[in-house]
Amino acid sequence: MENKGSDEVEKLKTKFLSVWHNVKYSWALKSKTSFSRNSPVLLLGKCYHFKAEDDDNPTEEACYEASDEDFIMGNAEAFRKDFASRVWLTYREEFPPLPGSILTSDCGWGCMLRAGQMMLAQALILHFLGRDWTWSEALKLQPLDTETWTTTAAKRLVASLEASLQGSQSPSDPESPPIPQAQVPGSAEEADSHLKEMYHRTLVSWFGDSPSAQLGLHRLIYLGLTMGKQAGDWYGPAVVAHILKKAVEKAMDPGLAGITAYVSQDCTVYNADVIDSHRVPTAGQASAEGSDAPPSLQNNQPASASALPDSRAVIILVPVRLGGERTNPDYFNFTKSILSLDYCIGIIGGKPKQACYFVGFQDDSLIYMDPHYCQSFVDVSTSDFPLQSYHCPSPKKMPFSKMDPSCTIGFYSRSVQDFERISKELSKVLQPSAKDKYPAFTFVQGHGKDYDLSAALTPEKREWPFIRDPQRTVSTAGDFVLL
């Protein structure tokens, strides 16, 4: 009897904690972000200038807020459309219970998993749609309205409290979610963009919050169980990198057969391992995967997306630590260089215990997408599920100095030839500017198994990877050098 009573108390505590997180993050509304007119903005390899062509005052230091009225200046509207086209994955509530738990929301703890999902989604956009793709409805997104969203949060609080006190949870209605997204008018796409919109919708559905979603939260939690992680735990960027790798490798959807993932070891990318990842395991399996893929995914990709029958794309994930307790300022320019590359899929990291997805920068501030926003469950199994809540209408900025040093950097490589070019370019970016500086990570010829690596090193132990200088001959404290 005591065990039963204890279980009931724990369930009630979990419900109240979930209620608190739901209302807390529903109120986490975004203040307007200021951008300088005189400095370029970099967004995942694309450069934008907000300065109007007829502006004759080049020394003006004024900043403006990212409102609809000001975005007509320069090519700021193009930036806004590009940013809003990235897939935004946030906290959700009222979805089916997560594996090994009774939790029906990830509010308060799932931010790093959501940031990882966003980085993975960007890789899939490059794979299926190309970097130049933008969503036709991106500029029609409604701003996150304070009155509407706080009212919704209050209603959710009352309903959840009543359900908790009654010992039951109010059923959710996927057909009429309590947010205004259902009222957004349907898209009026041209015929030539219809197939790309199908890719877009299919891609988002892979990240749905249901057990059947290939790359959804339920699948990530399930895979994390094998690494000692459970729903409600804090997930660091290195652990998330390994979970994402498993999720891509184990995905059963034929559309994902042409892509895999690789995670670096001890801040080292082994070229031969990545090249092996580009090759499908056997010719027979490659043929089977190609024949099972839907025709739309075989024949209607952008011209640059077509791959050889015996090759597949690779998502390269590199967990790094850019300093000690704080990010070393020496890495600020390195981070800018990385986010300026069109094959970079972003960086997952953030502030201590508060993850976000970095996608660009302006001057000394990072531009990021924030998962700390609680939204209602969306049933992605329906053919016309609303897409609006999967796209963010407004960017956020954060000083480089506030960036947590522990992060994971992502790249997309379409083919072996592509990787050879990427490794050469990144090796130049990683070249230390002085002999007392160390690269964030390195490229090494050969396989990881050819080097003296600890076989017992688990992903959990890699959670705080250190900077290692393989060419340093002087003795240091152990095998690692920490700036």
Protein backbone atom coordinates (compact mmCIF):
# COMPACT_ATOMS: atom_id res chain seq x y z
CA MET A 1 0.00 0.00 0.00
CA GLU A 2 2.86 2.35 0.85
CA ASN A 3 4.44 1.79 -2.55
CA LYS A 4 1.14 2.51 -4.28
CA GLY A 5 0.66 5.68 -2.28
CA SER A 6 4.22 6.77 -2.98
CA ASP A 7 3.71 6.22 -6.71
CA GLU A 8 0.56 8.33 -6.64
CA VAL A 9 2.42 11.13 -4.86
CA GLU A 10 5.24 11.00 -7.42
CA LYS A 11 2.74 11.13 -10.29
CA LEU A 12 1.02 14.13 -8.72
CA LYS A 13 4.37 15.86 -8.16
CA THR A 14 5.31 15.19 -11.78
CA LYS A 15 2.04 16.68 -12.99
CA PHE A 16 2.44 19.83 -10.90
CA LEU A 17 6.04 20.22 -12.08
CA SER A 18 4.90 19.83 -15.66
CA VAL A 19 2.18 22.45 -15.08
CA TRP A 20 4.75 24.89 -13.69
CA HIS A 21 7.11 24.38 -16.63
CA ASN A 22 4.27 24.75 -19.11
CA VAL A 23 3.14 28.09 -17.79
CA LYS A 24 6.72 29.28 -17.17
CA TYR A 25 7.87 28.67 -20.74
CA SER A 26 4.60 29.79 -22.27
CA TRP A 27 5.33 33.19 -20.72
CA ALA A 28 8.91 33.22 -22.02
CA LEU A 29 8.02 35.73 -24.69
CA LYS A 30 10.62 37.22 -26.96
CA SER A 31 11.55 40.86 -26.78
CA LYS A 32 12.41 42.56 -30.05
CA THR A 33 15.93 41.95 -31.30
CA SER A 34 18.03 44.88 -32.48
CA PHE A 35 20.28 44.68 -35.55
CA SER A 36 22.82 47.21 -36.73
CA ARG A 37 22.30 48.72 -40.19
CA ASN A 38 26.03 49.04 -40.76
CA SER A 39 27.26 45.50 -40.12
CA PRO A 40 26.66 42.38 -42.22
CA VAL A 41 24.65 39.48 -40.81
CA LEU A 42 25.81 35.91 -41.43
CA LEU A 43 23.26 33.11 -41.38
CA LEU A 44 24.53 29.58 -42.01
CA GLY A 45 26.87 30.65 -44.81
CA LYS A 46 24.72 33.43 -46.29
CA CYS A 47 25.55 37.11 -45.85
CA TYR A 48 22.92 39.84 -45.54
CA HIS A 49 23.20 43.63 -45.34
CA PHE A 50 20.39 45.69 -43.80
CA LYS A 51 21.72 49.05 -44.99
CA ALA A 52 19.51 50.67 -47.61
CA GLU A 53 21.18 51.52 -50.91
CA ASP A 54 20.16 55.19 -50.68
CA ASP A 55 21.46 55.61 -47.12
CA ASP A 56 24.15 58.30 -47.38
CA ASN A 57 25.34 58.11 -43.77
CA PRO A 58 27.77 55.17 -43.59
CA THR A 59 28.93 56.06 -40.09
CA GLU A 60 25.49 55.93 -38.55
CA GLU A 61 25.50 53.75 -35.44
CA ALA A 62 21.75 53.45 -35.06
CA CYS A 63 20.21 50.07 -34.45
CA TYR A 64 16.72 49.10 -35.45
CA GLU A 65 14.33 46.49 -34.24
CA ALA A 66 13.34 43.53 -36.36
CA SER A 67 9.83 44.67 -37.17
CA ASP A 68 7.90 44.29 -40.40
CA GLU A 69 8.25 48.00 -41.07
CA ASP A 70 12.05 48.05 -40.90
CA PHE A 71 12.66 44.78 -42.69
CA ILE A 72 12.09 46.39 -46.09
CA MET A 73 15.51 48.03 -45.79
CA GLY A 74 18.32 46.53 -47.84
CA ASN A 75 17.87 42.80 -48.12
CA ALA A 76 16.66 42.42 -44.53
CA GLU A 77 13.45 40.86 -45.80
CA ALA A 78 15.50 38.13 -47.47
CA PHE A 79 17.23 37.49 -44.14
CA ARG A 80 13.93 37.31 -42.33
CA LYS A 81 12.55 34.81 -44.85
CA ASP A 82 15.70 32.71 -44.71
CA PHE A 83 15.69 32.64 -40.90
CA ALA A 84 11.98 31.85 -40.66
CA SER A 85 12.43 28.97 -43.12
CA ARG A 86 14.69 27.08 -40.71
CA VAL A 87 12.85 24.36 -38.78
CA TRP A 88 12.11 25.47 -35.20
CA LEU A 89 11.64 22.72 -32.62
CA THR A 90 10.60 23.75 -29.12
CA TYR A 91 9.20 22.37 -25.91
CA ARG A 92 5.87 20.64 -26.43
CA GLU A 93 3.15 19.42 -24.10
CA GLU A 94 0.29 16.90 -24.14
CA PHE A 95 2.08 14.36 -26.31
CA PRO A 96 2.08 10.57 -25.61
CA PRO A 97 4.16 9.53 -22.57
CA LEU A 98 7.89 9.29 -23.22
CA PRO A 99 9.63 5.89 -23.06
CA GLY A 100 10.32 4.75 -19.52
CA SER A 101 8.35 7.58 -17.91
CA ILE A 102 4.93 9.16 -17.47
CA LEU A 103 6.11 12.56 -18.77
CA THR A 104 3.96 14.09 -21.49
CA SER A 105 6.04 17.27 -21.85
CA ASP A 106 9.75 18.09 -22.14
CA CYS A 107 9.40 21.57 -20.65
CA GLY A 108 12.33 22.46 -18.41
CA TRP A 109 14.77 19.73 -19.47
CA GLY A 110 14.56 18.85 -23.20
CA CYS A 111 16.14 21.99 -24.66
CA MET A 112 19.41 20.37 -25.80
CA LEU A 113 17.53 17.56 -27.53
CA ARG A 114 15.39 20.16 -29.30
CA ALA A 115 18.49 22.11 -30.32
CA GLY A 116 19.97 18.89 -31.70
CA GLN A 117 16.79 18.22 -33.64
CA MET A 118 16.99 21.69 -35.20
CA MET A 119 20.58 21.10 -36.31
CA LEU A 120 19.63 17.73 -37.76
CA ALA A 121 16.66 19.31 -39.55
CA GLN A 122 19.00 21.85 -41.18
CA ALA A 123 21.17 19.00 -42.46
CA LEU A 124 18.11 17.36 -44.01
CA ILE A 125 17.08 20.66 -45.60
CA LEU A 126 20.49 20.84 -47.27
CA HIS A 127 20.16 17.21 -48.32
CA PHE A 128 16.68 17.35 -49.85
CA LEU A 129 16.02 21.01 -50.64
CA GLY A 130 19.36 22.81 -50.83
CA ARG A 131 20.64 25.90 -49.02
CA ASP A 132 18.77 28.35 -51.25
CA TRP A 133 15.36 26.91 -50.36
CA THR A 134 12.97 29.11 -48.39
CA TRP A 135 9.44 28.42 -47.24
CA SER A 136 6.82 30.29 -49.25
CA GLU A 137 4.83 31.09 -46.10
CA ALA A 138 7.81 32.29 -44.04
CA LEU A 139 6.97 36.01 -44.26
CA LYS A 140 3.34 35.33 -43.31
CA LEU A 141 4.20 34.00 -39.86
CA GLN A 142 2.44 35.86 -37.09
CA PRO A 143 4.59 37.41 -34.33
CA LEU A 144 4.48 35.77 -30.91
CA ASP A 145 1.68 37.89 -29.52
CA THR A 146 1.93 38.56 -25.78
CA GLU A 147 -1.79 38.77 -25.01
CA THR A 148 -2.75 35.71 -27.03
CA TRP A 149 0.00 33.48 -25.69
CA THR A 150 -0.24 34.49 -22.03
CA THR A 151 -4.00 33.99 -22.12
CA THR A 152 -3.45 30.56 -23.62
CA ALA A 153 -0.89 29.76 -20.95
CA ALA A 154 -3.30 30.75 -18.19
CA LYS A 155 -6.02 28.56 -19.66
CA ARG A 156 -3.58 25.64 -19.85
CA LEU A 157 -2.59 26.23 -16.22
CA VAL A 158 -6.17 26.11 -14.98
CA ALA A 159 -7.04 23.06 -17.09
CA SER A 160 -3.91 21.18 -16.01
CA LEU A 161 -4.46 21.95 -12.33
CA GLU A 162 -8.05 20.78 -12.52
CA ALA A 163 -6.95 17.59 -14.26
CA SER A 164 -4.23 16.97 -11.67
CA LEU A 165 -6.61 17.43 -8.74
CA GLN A 166 -9.12 15.10 -10.37
CA GLY A 167 -6.45 12.50 -10.98
CA SER A 168 -6.94 12.62 -14.72
CA GLN A 169 -5.59 14.69 -17.57
CA SER A 170 -7.78 16.65 -19.93
CA PRO A 171 -7.67 15.13 -23.41
CA SER A 172 -6.12 17.25 -26.09
CA ASP A 173 -7.81 17.93 -29.38
CA PRO A 174 -5.25 17.88 -32.23
CA GLU A 175 -7.86 19.26 -34.63
CA SER A 176 -8.30 22.50 -32.66
CA PRO A 177 -5.07 23.38 -30.80
CA PRO A 178 -5.34 26.27 -28.31
CA ILE A 179 -2.92 28.43 -30.29
CA PRO A 180 -3.85 30.68 -33.19
CA GLN A 181 -1.89 28.73 -35.79
CA ALA A 182 -5.02 26.98 -37.09
CA GLN A 183 -6.36 30.34 -38.25
CA VAL A 184 -3.40 31.03 -40.53
CA PRO A 185 -4.67 30.87 -44.11
CA GLY A 186 -3.54 28.00 -46.28
CA SER A 187 -0.61 28.45 -48.58
CA ALA A 188 -1.04 29.41 -52.25
CA GLU A 189 2.04 27.72 -53.70
CA GLU A 190 2.98 27.62 -57.30
CA ALA A 191 3.03 24.27 -59.07
CA ASP A 192 6.82 24.15 -59.40
CA SER A 193 7.24 24.44 -55.59
CA HIS A 194 4.66 21.79 -54.73
CA LEU A 195 7.13 18.91 -54.57
CA LYS A 196 9.55 20.87 -52.42
CA GLU A 197 6.70 21.63 -50.07
CA MET A 198 6.08 17.89 -49.87
CA TYR A 199 9.72 17.41 -48.86
CA HIS A 200 9.32 20.17 -46.31
CA ARG A 201 6.21 18.65 -44.75
CA THR A 202 7.69 15.14 -44.73
CA LEU A 203 10.88 16.45 -43.13
CA VAL A 204 8.97 18.16 -40.32
CA SER A 205 6.88 15.03 -39.73
CA TRP A 206 10.06 13.05 -38.99
CA PHE A 207 10.48 15.25 -35.90
CA GLY A 208 6.92 14.80 -34.61
CA ASP A 209 6.32 14.11 -30.93
CA SER A 210 5.04 10.56 -31.24
CA PRO A 211 6.67 7.11 -30.85
CA SER A 212 6.46 6.47 -34.60
CA ALA A 213 8.35 9.63 -35.65
CA GLN A 214 11.75 8.66 -37.04
CA LEU A 215 13.68 11.52 -35.42
CA GLY A 216 11.15 12.61 -32.81
CA LEU A 217 11.70 13.18 -29.12
CA HIS A 218 10.33 9.75 -28.23
CA ARG A 219 12.91 8.05 -30.46
CA LEU A 220 15.74 10.15 -29.03
CA ILE A 221 14.70 9.38 -25.45
CA TYR A 222 14.52 5.67 -26.26
CA LEU A 223 18.01 5.70 -27.74
CA GLY A 224 19.29 7.71 -24.79
CA LEU A 225 18.19 4.95 -22.40
CA THR A 226 21.05 2.79 -23.70
CA MET A 227 23.47 5.56 -22.67
CA GLY A 228 22.13 5.88 -19.14
CA LYS A 229 19.92 8.89 -19.89
CA GLN A 230 16.22 9.11 -19.06
CA ALA A 231 13.36 11.46 -19.78
CA GLY A 232 13.74 14.44 -17.45
CA ASP A 233 17.55 14.26 -17.33
CA TRP A 234 19.87 16.99 -18.57
CA TYR A 235 21.43 16.12 -21.94
CA GLY A 236 24.73 17.72 -22.88
CA PRO A 237 25.80 18.55 -26.46
CA ALA A 238 28.21 15.61 -26.77
CA VAL A 239 25.67 13.04 -25.61
CA VAL A 240 23.06 14.53 -27.95
CA ALA A 241 25.51 14.19 -30.85
CA HIS A 242 25.79 10.45 -30.22
CA ILE A 243 22.02 10.09 -29.83
CA LEU A 244 21.45 11.91 -33.14
CA LYS A 245 23.95 9.59 -34.83
CA LYS A 246 22.07 6.54 -33.57
CA ALA A 247 18.72 8.01 -34.61
CA VAL A 248 19.87 8.65 -38.19
CA GLU A 249 21.50 5.23 -38.49
CA LYS A 250 18.46 3.38 -37.16
CA ALA A 251 15.83 5.37 -39.08
CA MET A 252 13.66 2.98 -41.11
CA ASP A 253 12.06 5.51 -43.46
CA PRO A 254 13.35 4.84 -47.01
CA GLY A 255 13.74 8.57 -47.51
CA LEU A 256 16.53 8.61 -44.90
CA ALA A 257 18.47 5.72 -46.43
CA GLY A 258 20.75 8.11 -48.34
CA ILE A 259 22.18 9.86 -45.29
CA THR A 260 24.08 8.83 -42.16
CA ALA A 261 25.99 10.52 -39.33
CA TYR A 262 29.51 10.53 -37.90
CA VAL A 263 30.68 11.79 -34.49
CA SER A 264 34.30 12.81 -34.01
CA GLN A 265 36.47 11.22 -31.32
CA ASP A 266 38.31 13.40 -28.81
CA CYS A 267 38.03 16.52 -30.99
CA THR A 268 39.52 14.59 -33.92
CA VAL A 269 37.84 13.87 -37.25
CA TYR A 270 39.37 10.77 -38.83
CA ASN A 271 39.17 11.22 -42.59
CA ALA A 272 39.07 7.52 -43.45
CA ASP A 273 36.15 6.95 -41.08
CA VAL A 274 34.13 9.73 -42.72
CA ILE A 275 34.94 8.41 -46.20
CA ASP A 276 33.82 4.94 -45.10
CA SER A 277 30.59 6.48 -43.81
CA HIS A 278 29.97 7.95 -47.27
CA ARG A 279 29.95 4.45 -48.71
CA VAL A 280 26.93 2.24 -48.19
CA PRO A 281 27.78 -1.05 -46.42
CA THR A 282 27.20 -3.34 -49.43
CA ALA A 283 26.29 -2.91 -53.07
CA GLY A 284 23.22 -5.09 -52.58
CA GLN A 285 21.95 -3.00 -49.71
CA ALA A 286 22.60 0.20 -51.64
CA SER A 287 20.53 -1.11 -54.55
CA ALA A 288 17.72 -2.15 -52.24
CA GLU A 289 17.68 1.22 -50.50
CA GLY A 290 17.56 3.05 -53.79
CA SER A 291 14.70 0.96 -55.14
CA ASP A 292 12.63 1.35 -51.96
CA ALA A 293 12.89 5.12 -51.84
CA PRO A 294 9.79 7.04 -52.93
CA PRO A 295 10.01 8.37 -56.51
CA SER A 296 9.77 11.94 -55.23
CA LEU A 297 12.91 11.46 -53.17
CA GLN A 298 14.78 9.81 -56.03
CA ASN A 299 14.00 12.00 -58.99
CA ASN A 300 12.92 15.42 -57.78
CA GLN A 301 15.74 16.61 -55.56
CA PRO A 302 17.71 19.72 -56.49
CA ALA A 303 20.36 19.03 -59.11
CA SER A 304 23.10 19.25 -56.50
CA ALA A 305 21.35 16.68 -54.29
CA SER A 306 21.67 13.73 -56.65
CA ALA A 307 24.15 11.20 -55.30
CA LEU A 308 25.95 8.22 -56.75
CA PRO A 309 24.20 4.86 -56.20
CA ASP A 310 27.03 3.61 -53.99
CA SER A 311 27.36 6.73 -51.82
CA ARG A 312 25.40 8.58 -49.18
CA ALA A 313 25.63 11.92 -47.45
CA VAL A 314 27.20 12.25 -44.00
CA ILE A 315 26.29 14.57 -41.15
CA ILE A 316 29.55 15.31 -39.31
CA LEU A 317 29.12 16.16 -35.63
CA VAL A 318 32.10 17.48 -33.66
CA PRO A 319 31.72 17.87 -29.86
CA VAL A 320 34.25 20.43 -28.62
CA ARG A 321 35.05 22.54 -25.59
CA LEU A 322 36.10 26.07 -26.40
CA GLY A 323 37.75 26.96 -23.13
CA GLY A 324 37.61 26.26 -19.40
CA GLU A 325 34.75 27.61 -17.31
CA ARG A 326 34.01 30.20 -20.00
CA THR A 327 34.50 30.33 -23.75
CA ASN A 328 37.99 31.56 -24.57
CA PRO A 329 37.79 34.82 -26.60
CA ASP A 330 40.43 33.35 -28.93
CA TYR A 331 37.68 31.11 -30.32
CA PHE A 332 35.24 33.91 -31.18
CA ASN A 333 36.66 34.47 -34.67
CA PHE A 334 36.83 30.72 -35.20
CA THR A 335 33.12 30.44 -34.40
CA LYS A 336 32.36 33.25 -36.84
CA SER A 337 34.36 31.50 -39.56
CA ILE A 338 32.48 28.25 -38.98
CA LEU A 339 29.04 29.89 -39.16
CA SER A 340 30.09 31.61 -42.40
CA LEU A 341 30.35 28.26 -44.24
CA ASP A 342 27.39 27.14 -46.32
CA TYR A 343 27.92 23.49 -45.34
CA CYS A 344 27.83 24.32 -41.64
CA ILE A 345 24.52 23.20 -40.10
CA GLY A 346 24.99 25.26 -36.96
CA ILE A 347 26.15 24.77 -33.39
CA ILE A 348 24.24 23.37 -30.44
CA GLY A 349 25.25 24.77 -27.08
CA GLY A 350 24.01 27.85 -25.27
CA LYS A 351 24.31 29.17 -21.76
CA PRO A 352 25.02 26.84 -18.81
CA LYS A 353 22.02 24.49 -18.46
CA GLN A 354 20.11 26.45 -21.07
CA ALA A 355 20.59 25.12 -24.58
CA CYS A 356 19.99 26.85 -27.89
CA TYR A 357 20.82 26.45 -31.57
CA PHE A 358 23.33 28.95 -33.00
CA VAL A 359 22.81 29.75 -36.68
CA GLY A 360 24.70 33.01 -37.33
CA PHE A 361 26.14 36.22 -35.97
CA GLN A 362 26.41 39.98 -36.31
CA ASP A 363 29.44 41.77 -34.88
CA ASP A 364 30.04 40.29 -31.41
CA SER A 365 26.63 38.67 -30.98
CA LEU A 366 25.46 35.20 -31.91
CA ILE A 367 22.12 34.69 -33.62
CA TYR A 368 20.20 31.70 -32.33
CA MET A 369 16.92 29.81 -32.25
CA ASP A 370 15.47 29.29 -28.80
CA PRO A 371 13.72 25.99 -27.89
CA HIS A 372 12.51 27.39 -24.53
CA TYR A 373 8.98 27.99 -25.69
CA CYS A 374 6.19 25.62 -24.72
CA GLN A 375 3.75 24.78 -27.51
CA SER A 376 0.93 22.28 -27.83
CA PHE A 377 1.28 18.85 -29.37
CA VAL A 378 0.71 18.67 -33.12
CA ASP A 379 -0.41 15.43 -34.74
CA VAL A 380 1.97 15.19 -37.71
CA SER A 381 0.35 11.97 -38.94
CA THR A 382 -2.37 13.98 -40.65
CA SER A 383 -1.69 15.05 -44.21
CA ASP A 384 -2.44 18.73 -43.60
CA PHE A 385 -1.03 19.32 -40.12
CA PRO A 386 -0.21 23.01 -39.46
CA LEU A 387 3.41 23.98 -40.07
CA GLN A 388 3.38 27.43 -38.51
CA SER A 389 4.53 26.35 -35.05
CA TYR A 390 7.60 24.68 -36.58
CA HIS A 391 9.02 27.97 -37.83
CA CYS A 392 10.26 30.88 -35.73
CA PRO A 393 9.18 34.39 -36.81
CA SER A 394 11.93 36.24 -34.92
CA PRO A 395 15.65 35.68 -34.24
CA LYS A 396 17.40 36.15 -30.93
CA LYS A 397 20.90 37.43 -30.19
CA MET A 398 23.41 36.67 -27.46
CA PRO A 399 26.94 38.01 -26.83
CA PHE A 400 29.74 35.60 -27.68
CA SER A 401 31.03 36.07 -24.13
CA LYS A 402 27.93 34.34 -22.72
CA MET A 403 28.32 31.23 -24.88
CA ASP A 404 28.97 28.06 -22.87
CA PRO A 405 32.29 26.49 -23.95
CA SER A 406 30.80 23.02 -24.31
CA CYS A 407 29.11 22.65 -27.68
CA THR A 408 28.74 20.45 -30.77
CA ILE A 409 29.46 21.79 -34.27
CA GLY A 410 27.71 20.25 -37.27
CA PHE A 411 28.59 19.98 -40.97
CA TYR A 412 26.89 18.42 -43.98
CA SER A 413 28.96 16.50 -46.53
CA ARG A 414 27.15 15.27 -49.66
CA SER A 415 29.88 13.02 -51.09
CA VAL A 416 33.49 11.90 -50.70
CA GLN A 417 34.58 14.69 -53.05
CA ASP A 418 32.59 17.15 -50.98
CA PHE A 419 34.27 15.95 -47.79
CA GLU A 420 37.74 16.29 -49.29
CA ARG A 421 36.97 19.93 -50.08
CA ILE A 422 35.44 20.49 -46.61
CA SER A 423 38.41 18.98 -44.78
CA LYS A 424 40.84 21.17 -46.72
CA GLU A 425 38.86 24.35 -46.08
CA LEU A 426 38.30 23.59 -42.42
CA SER A 427 41.95 22.71 -41.89
CA LYS A 428 42.81 26.27 -42.94
CA VAL A 429 40.17 27.71 -40.63
CA LEU A 430 41.50 25.57 -37.77
CA GLN A 431 45.12 26.61 -38.33
CA PRO A 432 46.32 28.28 -35.10
CA SER A 433 47.32 31.92 -35.51
CA ALA A 434 50.14 31.56 -32.99
CA LYS A 435 52.09 28.69 -31.49
CA ASP A 436 50.48 29.15 -28.09
CA LYS A 437 46.99 28.64 -29.52
CA TYR A 438 45.30 25.30 -30.10
CA PRO A 439 42.72 24.28 -32.71
CA ALA A 440 39.20 23.48 -31.55
CA PHE A 441 39.43 20.17 -33.40
CA THR A 442 41.63 18.54 -36.01
CA PHE A 443 41.47 16.39 -39.14
CA VAL A 444 43.69 13.30 -39.15
CA GLN A 445 44.38 10.83 -41.93
CA GLY A 446 43.40 7.19 -41.36
CA HIS A 447 40.88 5.49 -39.10
CA GLY A 448 40.31 6.11 -35.43
CA LYS A 449 41.06 2.45 -34.68
CA ASP A 450 44.60 2.97 -36.03
CA TYR A 451 45.39 5.26 -33.10
CA ASP A 452 45.81 4.53 -29.41
CA LEU A 453 42.32 5.42 -28.25
CA SER A 454 40.68 4.23 -25.09
CA ALA A 455 38.11 1.61 -26.01
CA ALA A 456 36.31 2.22 -22.73
CA LEU A 457 35.66 5.88 -23.46
CA THR A 458 31.89 6.24 -23.44
CA PRO A 459 29.82 9.12 -24.81
CA GLU A 460 29.08 10.18 -21.24
CA LYS A 461 32.81 10.53 -20.53
CA ARG A 462 33.13 12.62 -23.67
CA GLU A 463 30.58 15.08 -22.35
CA TRP A 464 33.33 17.56 -21.53
CA PRO A 465 35.86 16.93 -24.31
CA PHE A 466 39.20 18.67 -23.84
CA ILE A 467 41.38 20.36 -26.39
CA ARG A 468 44.25 18.07 -27.31
CA ASP A 469 47.37 19.12 -29.20
CA PRO A 470 48.69 15.93 -30.88
CA GLN A 471 51.90 17.68 -32.03
CA ARG A 472 52.90 19.23 -28.72
CA THR A 473 56.08 17.58 -27.42
CA VAL A 474 56.49 19.24 -24.04
CA SER A 475 54.99 17.49 -21.08
CA THR A 476 51.60 18.61 -19.88
CA ALA A 477 49.23 17.56 -17.14
CA GLY A 478 48.11 14.32 -18.73
CA ASP A 479 47.31 14.01 -22.41
CA PHE A 480 45.19 17.12 -22.64
CA VAL A 481 45.70 20.84 -22.92
CA LEU A 482 42.97 23.15 -21.69
CA LEU A 483 42.95 26.83 -22.54
